[in-house]
C-alpha atoms as a PDB file:
ATOM      1  CA  MET A   1      -7.265 301.951 180.356  1.00  0.00           C
ATOM      2  CA  ASN A   2      -5.941 303.394 177.427  1.00  0.00           C
ATOM      3  CA  VAL A   3      -2.917 301.684 176.426  1.00  0.00           C
ATOM      4  CA  GLY A   4      -1.001 304.933 176.588  1.00  0.00           C
ATOM      5  CA  VAL A   5      -1.755 305.813 179.692  1.00  0.00           C
ATOM      6  CA  ALA A   6      -1.132 302.511 180.835  1.00  0.00           C
ATOM      7  CA  CYS A   7       2.594 302.204 179.619  1.00  0.00           C
ATOM      8  CA  PHE A   8       3.160 305.706 181.626  1.00  0.00           C
ATOM      9  CA  ILE A   9       2.250 303.959 184.966  1.00  0.00           C
ATOM     10  CA  ARG A  10       4.176 301.102 184.286  1.00  0.00           C
ATOM     11  CA  ARG A  11       7.234 303.129 183.443  1.00  0.00           C
ATOM     12  CA  LEU A  12       6.777 305.538 185.917  1.00  0.00           C
ATOM     13  CA  LEU A  13       6.578 302.292 188.752  1.00  0.00           C
ATOM     14  CA  LEU A  14       9.915 301.007 187.147  1.00  0.00           C
ATOM     15  CA  ILE A  15      11.696 303.731 187.866  1.00  0.00           C
ATOM     16  CA  HIS A  16      10.107 304.323 191.470  1.00  0.00           C
ATOM     17  CA  LEU A  17      10.829 300.623 191.921  1.00  0.00           C
ATOM     18  CA  THR A  18      14.724 300.626 190.512  1.00  0.00           C
ATOM     19  CA  MET A  19      15.765 304.525 191.915  1.00  0.00           C
ATOM     20  CA  PRO A  20      16.340 304.509 195.860  1.00  0.00           C
ATOM     21  CA  SER A  21      15.838 308.360 195.287  1.00  0.00           C
ATOM     22  CA  PRO A  22      14.881 310.981 193.043  1.00  0.00           C
ATOM     23  CA  THR A  23      17.479 311.851 190.916  1.00  0.00           C
ATOM     24  CA  HIS A  24      18.447 312.808 187.421  1.00  0.00           C
ATOM     25  CA  ILE A  25      18.159 309.930 184.508  1.00  0.00           C
ATOM     26  CA  THR A  26      20.696 310.067 182.236  1.00  0.00           C
ATOM     27  CA  GLU A  27      19.319 308.531 178.397  1.00  0.00           C
ATOM     28  CA  VAL A  28      21.938 305.901 177.090  1.00  0.00           C
ATOM     29  CA  ALA A  29      21.928 304.765 173.656  1.00  0.00           C
ATOM     30  CA  VAL A  30      23.336 301.407 173.467  1.00  0.00           C
ATOM     31  CA  ALA A  31      23.964 298.980 170.373  1.00  0.00           C
ATOM     32  CA  VAL A  32      24.066 295.104 170.542  1.00  0.00           C
ATOM     33  CA  ILE A  33      25.752 294.598 167.173  1.00  0.00           C
ATOM     34  CA  THR A  34      25.219 291.408 166.100  1.00  0.00           C
ATOM     35  CA  ALA A  35      27.116 289.187 163.506  1.00  0.00           C
ATOM     36  CA  PRO A  36      25.297 286.812 161.132  1.00  0.00           C
ATOM     37  CA  ASP A  37      26.816 283.856 163.151  1.00  0.00           C
ATOM     38  CA  GLY A  38      25.028 285.242 166.336  1.00  0.00           C
ATOM     39  CA  ARG A  39      28.258 286.543 167.937  1.00  0.00           C
ATOM     40  CA  PHE A  40      28.183 290.238 169.663  1.00  0.00           C
ATOM     41  CA  LEU A  41      30.350 293.068 169.821  1.00  0.00           C
ATOM     42  CA  LEU A  42      32.243 293.915 173.470  1.00  0.00           C
ATOM     43  CA  ALA A  43      34.119 297.173 174.308  1.00  0.00           C
ATOM     44  CA  ARG A  44      36.396 297.692 177.003  1.00  0.00           C
ATOM     45  CA  ARG A  45      36.138 300.924 178.598  1.00  0.00           C
ATOM     46  CA  PRO A  46      39.490 302.644 178.077  1.00  0.00           C
ATOM     47  CA  GLU A  47      41.571 304.515 181.362  1.00  0.00           C
ATOM     48  CA  GLY A  48      40.630 308.010 182.236  1.00  0.00           C
ATOM     49  CA  LYS A  49      36.667 306.599 181.848  1.00  0.00           C
ATOM     50  CA  PRO A  50      34.338 305.708 184.911  1.00  0.00           C
ATOM     51  CA  TYR A  51      34.772 301.858 185.263  1.00  0.00           C
ATOM     52  CA  ALA A  52      37.618 301.946 183.273  1.00  0.00           C
ATOM     53  CA  GLY A  53      38.627 298.248 182.093  1.00  0.00           C
ATOM     54  CA  TYR A  54      34.654 297.403 182.457  1.00  0.00           C
ATOM     55  CA  TRP A  55      33.499 295.662 179.008  1.00  0.00           C
ATOM     56  CA  GLU A  56      29.962 296.956 177.602  1.00  0.00           C
ATOM     57  CA  PHE A  57      27.957 297.243 174.152  1.00  0.00           C
ATOM     58  CA  PRO A  58      29.069 299.939 172.550  1.00  0.00           C
ATOM     59  CA  GLY A  59      27.005 303.766 172.959  1.00  0.00           C
ATOM     60  CA  GLY A  60      26.707 306.628 174.413  1.00  0.00           C
ATOM     61  CA  LYS A  61      24.246 309.390 176.127  1.00  0.00           C
ATOM     62  CA  VAL A  62      21.393 310.719 173.888  1.00  0.00           C
ATOM     63  CA  ASN A  63      21.832 314.479 173.777  1.00  0.00           C
ATOM     64  CA  PRO A  64      18.542 316.904 174.220  1.00  0.00           C
ATOM     65  CA  ASP A  65      18.093 317.507 170.418  1.00  0.00           C
ATOM     66  CA  GLU A  66      18.426 313.571 169.678  1.00  0.00           C
ATOM     67  CA  SER A  67      16.376 310.686 169.271  1.00  0.00           C
ATOM     68  CA  ILE A  68      17.694 307.386 170.767  1.00  0.00           C
ATOM     69  CA  LEU A  69      17.854 305.746 166.992  1.00  0.00           C
ATOM     70  CA  ASP A  70      20.159 309.092 165.771  1.00  0.00           C
ATOM     71  CA  ALA A  71      22.150 309.029 169.299  1.00  0.00           C
ATOM     72  CA  LEU A  72      22.949 305.626 168.586  1.00  0.00           C
ATOM     73  CA  ARG A  73      24.167 306.199 165.047  1.00  0.00           C
ATOM     74  CA  ARG A  74      26.387 309.176 165.699  1.00  0.00           C
ATOM     75  CA  GLU A  75      27.826 307.169 168.809  1.00  0.00           C
ATOM     76  CA  LEU A  76      28.510 303.811 166.607  1.00  0.00           C
ATOM     77  CA  LEU A  77      30.041 306.370 164.052  1.00  0.00           C
ATOM     78  CA  GLU A  78      32.100 308.427 166.761  1.00  0.00           C
ATOM     79  CA  GLU A  79      33.140 305.328 168.632  1.00  0.00           C
ATOM     80  CA  LEU A  80      33.758 302.300 165.793  1.00  0.00           C
ATOM     81  CA  GLY A  81      33.523 303.773 162.634  1.00  0.00           C
ATOM     82  CA  ILE A  82      30.305 302.440 161.315  1.00  0.00           C
ATOM     83  CA  PHE A  83      27.005 303.415 159.353  1.00  0.00           C
ATOM     84  CA  VAL A  84      24.171 301.885 161.246  1.00  0.00           C
ATOM     85  CA  GLU A  85      21.777 300.388 158.284  1.00  0.00           C
ATOM     86  CA  HIS A  86      19.419 298.178 160.440  1.00  0.00           C
ATOM     87  CA  ALA A  87      18.608 298.142 164.353  1.00  0.00           C
ATOM     88  CA  TYR A  88      15.381 297.091 166.379  1.00  0.00           C
ATOM     89  CA  PRO A  89      14.492 298.671 169.560  1.00  0.00           C
ATOM     90  CA  TRP A  90      15.067 296.135 171.994  1.00  0.00           C
ATOM     91  CA  ILE A  91      15.034 296.150 175.926  1.00  0.00           C
ATOM     92  CA  THR A  92      15.174 299.038 178.198  1.00  0.00           C
ATOM     93  CA  ARG A  93      17.012 298.630 181.323  1.00  0.00           C
ATOM     94  CA  THR A  94      17.256 301.423 184.431  1.00  0.00           C
ATOM     95  CA  PHE A  95      20.115 301.539 186.715  1.00  0.00           C
ATOM     96  CA  ASN A  96      22.047 303.346 189.321  1.00  0.00           C
ATOM     97  CA  TYR A  97      25.797 303.649 189.353  1.00  0.00           C
ATOM     98  CA  SER A  98      27.546 305.689 192.318  1.00  0.00           C
ATOM     99  CA  HIS A  99      28.473 308.455 190.121  1.00  0.00           C
ATOM    100  CA  ALA A 100      25.189 308.224 187.949  1.00  0.00           C
ATOM    101  CA  SER A 101      21.432 306.731 187.069  1.00  0.00           C
ATOM    102  CA  VAL A 102      21.238 305.690 183.572  1.00  0.00           C
ATOM    103  CA  ARG A 103      18.430 304.305 181.203  1.00  0.00           C
ATOM    104  CA  LEU A 104      19.906 302.172 179.002  1.00  0.00           C
ATOM    105  CA  HIS A 105      18.054 302.102 175.647  1.00  0.00           C
ATOM    106  CA  PHE A 106      19.180 298.594 173.553  1.00  0.00           C
ATOM    107  CA  TYR A 107      18.925 298.624 170.516  1.00  0.00           C
ATOM    108  CA  ARG A 108      19.790 294.926 168.309  1.00  0.00           C
ATOM    109  CA  VAL A 109      21.902 296.204 164.926  1.00  0.00           C
ATOM    110  CA  VAL A 110      22.002 293.554 162.661  1.00  0.00           C
ATOM    111  CA  LYS A 111      23.372 295.660 159.249  1.00  0.00           C
ATOM    112  CA  TRP A 112      25.828 298.108 159.039  1.00  0.00           C
ATOM    113  CA  HIS A 113      28.558 299.433 156.731  1.00  0.00           C
ATOM    114  CA  GLY A 114      32.181 299.177 157.350  1.00  0.00           C
ATOM    115  CA  GLU A 115      34.792 297.192 159.980  1.00  0.00           C
ATOM    116  CA  PRO A 116      34.577 298.534 163.811  1.00  0.00           C
ATOM    117  CA  GLN A 117      37.503 299.692 164.634  1.00  0.00           C
ATOM    118  CA  PRO A 118      38.371 301.117 167.960  1.00  0.00           C
ATOM    119  CA  ARG A 119      38.346 304.729 167.580  1.00  0.00           C
ATOM    120  CA  GLU A 120      38.597 306.314 171.481  1.00  0.00           C
ATOM    121  CA  ASN A 121      41.185 303.848 172.581  1.00  0.00           C
ATOM    122  CA  GLN A 122      39.062 300.952 173.652  1.00  0.00           C
ATOM    123  CA  GLU A 123      39.280 297.193 173.215  1.00  0.00           C
ATOM    124  CA  LEU A 124      36.833 295.231 171.240  1.00  0.00           C
ATOM    125  CA  ALA A 125      35.768 291.661 171.054  1.00  0.00           C
ATOM    126  CA  TRP A 126      33.564 289.489 169.580  1.00  0.00           C
ATOM    127  CA  GLN A 127      31.279 287.577 171.847  1.00  0.00           C
ATOM    128  CA  SER A 128      28.883 284.328 172.317  1.00  0.00           C
ATOM    129  CA  ALA A 129      26.109 284.657 174.991  1.00  0.00           C
ATOM    130  CA  ASP A 130      26.987 281.197 176.154  1.00  0.00           C
ATOM    131  CA  ASN A 131      30.761 282.013 176.213  1.00  0.00           C
ATOM    132  CA  VAL A 132      31.472 285.344 177.212  1.00  0.00           C
ATOM    133  CA  ARG A 133      35.114 284.965 177.490  1.00  0.00           C
ATOM    134  CA  VAL A 134      35.963 288.720 178.605  1.00  0.00           C
ATOM    135  CA  GLU A 135      35.590 289.811 182.272  1.00  0.00           C
ATOM    136  CA  PRO A 136      34.571 292.158 184.013  1.00  0.00           C
ATOM    137  CA  MET A 137      31.080 293.180 182.631  1.00  0.00           C
ATOM    138  CA  LEU A 138      29.673 296.364 183.227  1.00  0.00           C
ATOM    139  CA  PRO A 139      27.130 295.995 186.214  1.00  0.00           C
ATOM    140  CA  ALA A 140      24.073 297.402 184.075  1.00  0.00           C
ATOM    141  CA  ASN A 141      24.917 295.081 181.167  1.00  0.00           C
ATOM    142  CA  THR A 142      25.653 291.568 182.321  1.00  0.00           C
ATOM    143  CA  PRO A 143      21.769 291.130 182.824  1.00  0.00           C
ATOM    144  CA  VAL A 144      21.467 291.563 178.897  1.00  0.00           C
ATOM    145  CA  LEU A 145      24.297 288.677 177.973  1.00  0.00           C
ATOM    146  CA  ARG A 146      21.303 286.346 179.783  1.00  0.00           C
ATOM    147  CA  ALA A 147      18.794 287.751 177.410  1.00  0.00           C
ATOM    148  CA  LEU A 148      20.615 287.270 174.596  1.00  0.00           C
ATOM    149  CA  ASP A 149      20.808 283.580 174.806  1.00  0.00           C
ATOM    150  CA  LEU A 150      17.118 283.446 174.624  1.00  0.00           C
ATOM    151  CA  PRO A 151      16.391 282.720 170.538  1.00  0.00           C
ATOM    152  CA  ALA A 152      14.170 284.729 168.242  1.00  0.00           C
ATOM    153  CA  ILE A 153      11.366 281.570 168.005  1.00  0.00           C
ATOM    154  CA  TYR A 154       9.587 280.430 171.080  1.00  0.00           C
ATOM    155  CA  ALA A 155       7.473 277.034 169.971  1.00  0.00           C
ATOM    156  CA  ILE A 156       4.290 275.907 171.485  1.00  0.00           C
ATOM    157  CA  THR A 157       3.294 272.253 171.655  1.00  0.00           C
ATOM    158  CA  HIS A 158      -0.624 271.701 170.803  1.00  0.00           C
ATOM    159  CA  ALA A 159      -0.685 268.049 170.741  1.00  0.00           C
ATOM    160  CA  ALA A 160      -4.228 267.621 172.138  1.00  0.00           C
ATOM    161  CA  GLU A 161      -5.314 268.711 168.809  1.00  0.00           C
ATOM    162  CA  LEU A 162      -3.032 266.713 166.542  1.00  0.00           C
ATOM    163  CA  GLY A 163      -1.976 263.605 168.599  1.00  0.00           C
ATOM    164  CA  THR A 164       1.057 262.906 170.225  1.00  0.00           C
ATOM    165  CA  ASP A 165       2.345 260.576 167.828  1.00  0.00           C
ATOM    166  CA  ILE A 166       2.144 263.353 165.336  1.00  0.00           C
ATOM    167  CA  ALA A 167       2.785 266.762 167.367  1.00  0.00           C
ATOM    168  CA  LEU A 168       6.378 264.576 168.440  1.00  0.00           C
ATOM    169  CA  ILE A 169       7.454 264.220 164.748  1.00  0.00           C
ATOM    170  CA  ARG A 170       6.231 267.912 163.963  1.00  0.00           C
ATOM    171  CA  ILE A 171       8.392 269.170 167.391  1.00  0.00           C
ATOM    172  CA  GLU A 172      11.485 267.012 166.531  1.00  0.00           C
ATOM    173  CA  ARG A 173      11.181 268.536 162.810  1.00  0.00           C
ATOM    174  CA  ALA A 174      10.922 272.034 164.091  1.00  0.00           C
ATOM    175  CA  LEU A 175      13.891 270.878 166.200  1.00  0.00           C
ATOM    176  CA  LYS A 176      16.025 270.292 163.136  1.00  0.00           C
ATOM    177  CA  GLY A 177      15.338 273.603 161.219  1.00  0.00           C
ATOM    178  CA  GLY A 178      16.574 274.953 164.064  1.00  0.00           C
ATOM    179  CA  VAL A 179      14.137 275.690 167.080  1.00  0.00           C
ATOM    180  CA  ARG A 180      16.198 275.990 170.525  1.00  0.00           C
ATOM    181  CA  LEU A 181      13.323 277.073 172.704  1.00  0.00           C
ATOM    182  CA  LEU A 182      10.176 275.096 173.361  1.00  0.00           C
ATOM    183  CA  GLN A 183       7.117 275.017 175.588  1.00  0.00           C
ATOM    184  CA  VAL A 184       4.866 272.189 176.739  1.00  0.00           C
ATOM    185  CA  ARG A 185       1.408 273.573 176.721  1.00  0.00           C
ATOM    186  CA  GLU A 186      -1.275 270.646 177.223  1.00  0.00           C
ATOM    187  CA  LYS A 187      -4.061 272.470 179.413  1.00  0.00           C
ATOM    188  CA  ALA A 188      -6.607 269.195 178.544  1.00  0.00           C
ATOM    189  CA  MET A 189      -3.882 266.497 178.393  1.00  0.00           C
ATOM    190  CA  PRO A 190      -4.425 263.543 181.345  1.00  0.00           C
ATOM    191  CA  GLU A 191      -2.255 263.543 183.981  1.00  0.00           C
ATOM    192  CA  LYS A 192      -0.055 260.083 183.294  1.00  0.00           C
ATOM    193  CA  ALA A 193      -0.555 261.194 179.302  1.00  0.00           C
ATOM    194  CA  LEU A 194       1.312 264.704 179.896  1.00  0.00           C
ATOM    195  CA  ASN A 195       3.771 263.484 181.912  1.00  0.00           C
ATOM    196  CA  ALA A 196       4.987 260.825 179.175  1.00  0.00           C
ATOM    197  CA  PHE A 197       4.721 263.830 176.958  1.00  0.00           C
ATOM    198  CA  ILE A 198       6.904 266.021 178.908  1.00  0.00           C
ATOM    199  CA  ASP A 199       9.297 262.832 179.328  1.00  0.00           C
ATOM    200  CA  ALA A 200       9.444 262.475 175.287  1.00  0.00           C
ATOM    201  CA  VAL A 201       9.375 266.316 174.478  1.00  0.00           C
ATOM    202  CA  ILE A 202      12.321 267.371 177.024  1.00  0.00           C
ATOM    203  CA  ALA A 203      14.111 263.925 175.367  1.00  0.00           C
ATOM    204  CA  LEU A 204      13.751 265.301 172.066  1.00  0.00           C
ATOM    205  CA  GLY A 205      14.900 268.968 173.452  1.00  0.00           C
ATOM    206  CA  HIS A 206      18.199 268.126 174.926  1.00  0.00           C
ATOM    207  CA  ARG A 207      18.901 265.797 171.740  1.00  0.00           C
ATOM    208  CA  HIS A 208      19.238 268.874 169.406  1.00  0.00           C
ATOM    209  CA  GLY A 209      20.254 271.546 171.910  1.00  0.00           C
ATOM    210  CA  ALA A 210      17.036 273.021 173.084  1.00  0.00           C
ATOM    211  CA  LYS A 211      15.821 274.293 176.309  1.00  0.00           C
ATOM    212  CA  VAL A 212      12.597 273.261 177.396  1.00  0.00           C
ATOM    213  CA  LEU A 213       9.946 275.199 179.500  1.00  0.00           C
ATOM    214  CA  VAL A 214       6.737 273.369 180.646  1.00  0.00           C
ATOM    215  CA  ASN A 215       3.500 275.280 181.433  1.00  0.00           C
ATOM    216  CA  GLY A 216       1.804 273.765 184.718  1.00  0.00           C
ATOM    217  CA  SER A 217       1.567 274.422 188.192  1.00  0.00           C
ATOM    218  CA  ILE A 218       3.898 275.955 190.556  1.00  0.00           C
ATOM    219  CA  ASP A 219       3.088 272.956 193.018  1.00  0.00           C
ATOM    220  CA  ASN A 220       4.800 270.522 190.262  1.00  0.00           C
ATOM    221  CA  ILE A 221       8.141 272.465 190.013  1.00  0.00           C
ATOM    222  CA  ASP A 222      10.070 269.190 191.788  1.00  0.00           C
ATOM    223  CA  LEU A 223       8.138 266.938 189.180  1.00  0.00           C
ATOM    224  CA  TYR A 224       9.570 269.239 186.178  1.00  0.00           C
ATOM    225  CA  ARG A 225      13.294 269.002 187.928  1.00  0.00           C
ATOM    226  CA  LYS A 226      12.946 265.419 187.925  1.00  0.00           C
ATOM    227  CA  ALA A 227      11.952 265.626 184.517  1.00  0.00           C
ATOM    228  CA  GLU A 228      15.086 267.811 183.647  1.00  0.00           C
ATOM    229  CA  ALA A 229      12.972 270.246 182.055  1.00  0.00           C
ATOM    230  CA  ASP A 230      14.988 273.621 181.886  1.00  0.00           C
ATOM    231  CA  GLY A 231      12.382 275.968 183.434  1.00  0.00           C
ATOM    232  CA  LEU A 232       8.795 276.701 183.691  1.00  0.00           C
ATOM    233  CA  HIS A 233       6.262 279.068 181.952  1.00  0.00           C
ATOM    234  CA  LEU A 234       3.336 280.656 183.911  1.00  0.00           C
ATOM    235  CA  ALA A 235      -0.186 281.642 182.768  1.00  0.00           C
ATOM    236  CA  SER A 236      -1.102 284.939 183.195  1.00  0.00           C
ATOM    237  CA  ARG A 237      -3.117 284.071 186.528  1.00  0.00           C
ATOM    238  CA  GLN A 238      -0.474 282.438 187.949  1.00  0.00           C
ATOM    239  CA  LEU A 239       1.894 285.530 187.475  1.00  0.00           C
ATOM    240  CA  MET A 240      -0.432 287.577 189.070  1.00  0.00           C
ATOM    241  CA  ASN A 241      -1.039 285.367 191.650  1.00  0.00           C
ATOM    242  CA  ILE A 242       2.784 284.981 193.287  1.00  0.00           C
ATOM    243  CA  VAL A 243       4.999 286.821 195.213  1.00  0.00           C
ATOM    244  CA  LYS A 244       8.379 285.609 193.624  1.00  0.00           C
ATOM    245  CA  ARG A 245       9.874 284.261 190.785  1.00  0.00           C
ATOM    246  CA  PRO A 246       9.804 280.402 190.726  1.00  0.00           C
ATOM    247  CA  ASP A 247      13.516 278.934 191.714  1.00  0.00           C
ATOM    248  CA  VAL A 248      13.864 277.390 188.371  1.00  0.00           C
ATOM    249  CA  GLU A 249      16.736 278.118 185.689  1.00  0.00           C
ATOM    250  CA  TRP A 250      14.346 279.755 182.753  1.00  0.00           C
ATOM    251  CA  CYS A 251      11.291 281.344 183.478  1.00  0.00           C
ATOM    252  CA  GLY A 252       9.013 283.111 181.314  1.00  0.00           C
ATOM    253  CA  ALA A 253       5.000 284.617 181.456  1.00  0.00           C
ATOM    254  CA  SER A 254       2.161 284.928 179.531  1.00  0.00           C
ATOM    255  CA  CYS A 255       1.107 288.617 179.593  1.00  0.00           C
ATOM    256  CA  HIS A 256      -2.101 290.238 177.668  1.00  0.00           C
ATOM    257  CA  ASN A 257      -1.883 294.477 179.501  1.00  0.00           C
ATOM    258  CA  ALA A 258       0.546 296.856 180.758  1.00  0.00           C
ATOM    259  CA  GLU A 259      -0.367 295.252 184.530  1.00  0.00           C
ATOM    260  CA  GLU A 260       0.526 291.770 183.935  1.00  0.00           C
ATOM    261  CA  LEU A 261       3.726 292.980 181.861  1.00  0.00           C
ATOM    262  CA  PHE A 262       5.026 295.214 184.821  1.00  0.00           C
ATOM    263  CA  ARG A 263       3.897 292.169 187.163  1.00  0.00           C
ATOM    264  CA  ALA A 264       6.426 290.085 184.826  1.00  0.00           C
ATOM    265  CA  GLU A 265       9.363 292.432 184.890  1.00  0.00           C
ATOM    266  CA  GLN A 266       8.905 293.455 188.723  1.00  0.00           C
ATOM    267  CA  LEU A 267       9.380 289.811 189.627  1.00  0.00           C
ATOM    268  CA  GLY A 268      12.510 289.148 187.320  1.00  0.00           C
ATOM    269  CA  MET A 269      10.828 286.600 184.387  1.00  0.00           C
ATOM    270  CA  ASP A 270      13.427 285.881 182.363  1.00  0.00           C
ATOM    271  CA  PHE A 271      10.874 286.703 179.723  1.00  0.00           C
ATOM    272  CA  ALA A 272       7.539 287.416 178.472  1.00  0.00           C
ATOM    273  CA  VAL A 273       4.821 286.337 175.774  1.00  0.00           C
ATOM    274  CA  LEU A 274       2.153 288.856 174.601  1.00  0.00           C
ATOM    275  CA  ALA A 275      -0.651 288.093 173.408  1.00  0.00           C
ATOM    276  CA  PRO A 276      -2.494 287.570 171.050  1.00  0.00           C
ATOM    277  CA  VAL A 277      -1.007 289.736 168.004  1.00  0.00           C
ATOM    278  CA  LEU A 278      -3.271 288.822 165.231  1.00  0.00           C
ATOM    279  CA  PRO A 279      -6.229 286.193 165.201  1.00  0.00           C
ATOM    280  CA  THR A 280      -5.655 282.751 166.002  1.00  0.00           C
ATOM    281  CA  LEU A 281      -7.495 279.738 164.741  1.00  0.00           C
ATOM    282  CA  SER A 282      -7.747 278.619 168.640  1.00  0.00           C
ATOM    283  CA  HIS A 283      -9.777 281.776 169.387  1.00  0.00           C
ATOM    284  CA  PRO A 284     -11.449 282.938 166.903  1.00  0.00           C
ATOM    285  CA  GLY A 285     -13.178 286.501 167.046  1.00  0.00           C
ATOM    286  CA  SER A 286     -11.326 287.865 170.110  1.00  0.00           C
ATOM    287  CA  ALA A 287     -10.076 291.011 169.980  1.00  0.00           C
ATOM    288  CA  THR A 288      -6.332 291.465 169.085  1.00  0.00           C
ATOM    289  CA  LEU A 289      -3.531 294.243 170.089  1.00  0.00           C
ATOM    290  CA  GLY A 290      -2.653 294.614 166.478  1.00  0.00           C
ATOM    291  CA  TRP A 291       1.382 295.355 165.858  1.00  0.00           C
ATOM    292  CA  GLN A 292       1.093 298.973 166.816  1.00  0.00           C
ATOM    293  CA  ARG A 293      -0.474 298.527 170.429  1.00  0.00           C
ATOM    294  CA  PHE A 294       2.224 295.778 170.429  1.00  0.00           C
ATOM    295  CA  ALA A 295       4.779 297.955 170.647  1.00  0.00           C
ATOM    296  CA  ALA A 296       3.367 300.313 172.490  1.00  0.00           C
ATOM    297  CA  LEU A 297       2.746 298.106 175.108  1.00  0.00           C
ATOM    298  CA  ILE A 298       6.307 296.730 175.204  1.00  0.00           C
ATOM    299  CA  ARG A 299       8.119 300.280 174.812  1.00  0.00           C
ATOM    300  CA  ASP A 300      10.797 300.442 177.576  1.00  0.00           C
ATOM    301  CA  CYS A 301      10.090 296.787 178.957  1.00  0.00           C
ATOM    302  CA  SER A 302      13.055 295.797 180.752  1.00  0.00           C
ATOM    303  CA  ILE A 303      12.663 292.326 179.721  1.00  0.00           C
ATOM    304  CA  PRO A 304      12.275 290.729 176.111  1.00  0.00           C
ATOM    305  CA  VAL A 305       9.099 289.999 174.641  1.00  0.00           C
ATOM    306  CA  TYR A 306       7.923 287.376 172.449  1.00  0.00           C
ATOM    307  CA  ALA A 307       4.834 288.468 170.270  1.00  0.00           C
ATOM    308  CA  LEU A 308       2.155 285.372 170.028  1.00  0.00           C
ATOM    309  CA  GLY A 309      -1.157 284.836 168.164  1.00  0.00           C
ATOM    310  CA  GLY A 310      -1.383 284.250 164.589  1.00  0.00           C
ATOM    311  CA  LEU A 311       1.869 284.513 163.693  1.00  0.00           C
ATOM    312  CA  ARG A 312       4.710 282.902 161.608  1.00  0.00           C
ATOM    313  CA  ARG A 313       8.313 282.588 161.247  1.00  0.00           C
ATOM    314  CA  GLU A 314       7.606 285.117 158.250  1.00  0.00           C
ATOM    315  CA  ASP A 315       6.449 287.295 160.801  1.00  0.00           C
ATOM    316  CA  LEU A 316      10.246 287.441 162.857  1.00  0.00           C
ATOM    317  CA  THR A 317      11.342 290.854 160.890  1.00  0.00           C
ATOM    318  CA  THR A 318       7.853 292.588 161.961  1.00  0.00           C
ATOM    319  CA  ALA A 319       8.289 291.803 165.551  1.00  0.00           C
ATOM    320  CA  TRP A 320      11.654 292.954 165.685  1.00  0.00           C
ATOM    321  CA  GLU A 321      10.472 296.500 164.040  1.00  0.00           C
ATOM    322  CA  HIS A 322       8.436 296.637 166.834  1.00  0.00           C
ATOM    323  CA  GLY A 323      10.754 296.226 169.990  1.00  0.00           C
ATOM    324  CA  GLY A 324       9.742 292.124 170.240  1.00  0.00           C
ATOM    325  CA  HIS A 325      12.336 289.985 171.018  1.00  0.00           C
ATOM    326  CA  GLY A 326      10.867 287.613 168.510  1.00  0.00           C
ATOM    327  CA  VAL A 327       7.614 285.406 167.879  1.00  0.00           C
ATOM    328  CA  ALA A 328       6.177 282.627 169.864  1.00  0.00           C
ATOM    329  CA  MET A 329       4.551 280.305 167.431  1.00  0.00           C
ATOM    330  CA  MET A 330       2.026 276.754 168.171  1.00  0.00           C
ATOM    331  CA  ARG A 331       1.085 275.608 164.287  1.00  0.00           C
ATOM    332  CA  GLY A 332       3.692 277.666 162.767  1.00  0.00           C
ATOM    333  CA  ILE A 333       6.599 275.152 164.296  1.00  0.00           C
ATOM    334  CA  GLY A 334       6.341 272.685 161.295  1.00  0.00           C
END
């Protein structure tokens, strides 16, 4: 199926699932204004507006003659007095309020001119994803806080290729270098050796404040919990065969096409990994998505998506420009 047609069908399905009845949807541009230290800006809705007193990410309605990015720039100038210089497309979430149905197009704003000022009687507060101190949050914005707790780099182990001793040395080096999300993916490792390796990686990860997910069978969830893993990463075949999200703290899924991405959204996965974007050493000669198709597939996706396949840290900005949350890497982690 043509990628454009597949993405269009996925968007129609998502709208159908999230809307209880046919209704007009208001398009809204929303800014996650992010400071260099990772904090983001929230605004408290003033008196006279629906949900007055609730906190939200700044933004506003898209006019009929505007692109989403143009609307974002206009709204931030009007509301906060800042000029947007760099903003990357991110996730899109549809929400049904009692007074309106909205489709929220979130952009991550990473560079701007001016100091944000409350120009419309709103309050402003800089917050961190792991320690949000203001409440209540506007309902449509709450799930976004969890997505912001995901780092830009997702490291994946390959000890079968390196050997466990070298792999653990490289993993520790990556953790010291700032990696905070790690997947243990060792399909060919014998069970006893795998369990020992999982324990070692989890110990290393937690020592450095990182989340560690295990790529494994849903049947082994209790084993991973006992090892104190932070969650599970599903292969695409597992993703397509389950009827509900596994009961774990964090759950990601591997995807390769629009159908699998839609399933990840439908099941409420915390994030997806879409691959392969570029040629890889592990699958030489295999067909790749390329950046344009990657962007087309994840456009309007409601969950964060990592790009995977032949990527390194230097590709992070490119991933952001094409709507990705970040990059997932095996050989590029250290």
